[in-house]
Amino acid sequence: RSQYDKEVLSWLAENGFTHFYNKPVATVQNEKCLYPDKKSSYQPLGDLLKQK
């Protein structure tokens, strides 16, 4: 976090992210965080044709 914190907060302030509805909120992301499998935006043509 500390590596990019100052740079990111500076960019956010310069670009108007300073209001209560869009200001940055610190969140914790560590090895205990669970993420869904990444879905590909690519869909084979055969799969697309089967849907119709």
Protein backbone atom coordinates (compact mmCIF):
# COMPACT_ATOMS: atom_id res chain seq x y z
CA ARG A 1 0.00 0.00 0.00
CA SER A 2 2.63 2.50 0.99
CA GLN A 3 4.40 2.08 -2.36
CA TYR A 4 1.64 3.77 -4.39
CA ASP A 5 -0.52 5.47 -1.75
CA LYS A 6 0.85 9.01 -2.15
CA GLU A 7 0.81 8.88 -5.97
CA VAL A 8 -2.74 7.51 -6.15
CA LEU A 9 -4.16 9.92 -3.58
CA SER A 10 -2.54 12.83 -5.40
CA TRP A 11 -4.04 11.74 -8.74
CA LEU A 12 -7.48 11.29 -7.17
CA ALA A 13 -7.39 14.79 -5.64
CA GLU A 14 -6.25 16.36 -8.94
CA ASN A 15 -9.09 14.65 -10.78
CA GLY A 16 -11.91 15.70 -8.46
CA PHE A 17 -12.31 12.61 -6.29
CA THR A 18 -12.65 14.71 -3.14
CA HIS A 19 -16.38 14.73 -2.37
CA PHE A 20 -18.11 12.59 0.21
CA TYR A 21 -19.70 10.49 -2.56
CA ASN A 22 -16.52 9.73 -4.52
CA LYS A 23 -13.57 10.14 -2.17
CA PRO A 24 -11.22 7.18 -1.78
CA VAL A 25 -11.92 4.61 0.91
CA ALA A 26 -9.11 2.38 2.14
CA THR A 27 -9.86 -1.33 1.90
CA VAL A 28 -7.95 -4.38 3.01
CA GLN A 29 -6.92 -6.93 0.40
CA ASN A 30 -4.86 -9.84 1.63
CA GLU A 31 -4.40 -13.56 1.12
CA LYS A 32 -7.73 -14.26 2.86
CA CYS A 33 -9.70 -12.41 0.16
CA LEU A 34 -11.72 -14.70 -2.09
CA TYR A 35 -12.27 -13.82 -5.73
CA PRO A 36 -14.47 -15.59 -8.29
CA ASP A 37 -12.82 -17.32 -11.22
CA LYS A 38 -12.05 -14.87 -13.98
CA LYS A 39 -14.53 -15.26 -16.81
CA SER A 40 -13.37 -14.75 -20.34
CA SER A 41 -15.23 -12.23 -22.47
CA TYR A 42 -14.45 -14.50 -25.43
CA GLN A 43 -17.28 -16.83 -26.43
CA PRO A 44 -16.69 -19.49 -29.10
CA LEU A 45 -18.92 -19.14 -32.15
CA GLY A 46 -20.32 -22.64 -31.61
CA ASP A 47 -21.55 -21.72 -28.12
CA LEU A 48 -23.12 -18.53 -29.45
CA LEU A 49 -24.97 -20.41 -32.20
CA LYS A 50 -26.30 -23.02 -29.73
CA GLN A 51 -28.03 -20.25 -27.73
CA LYS A 52 -30.15 -19.16 -30.70
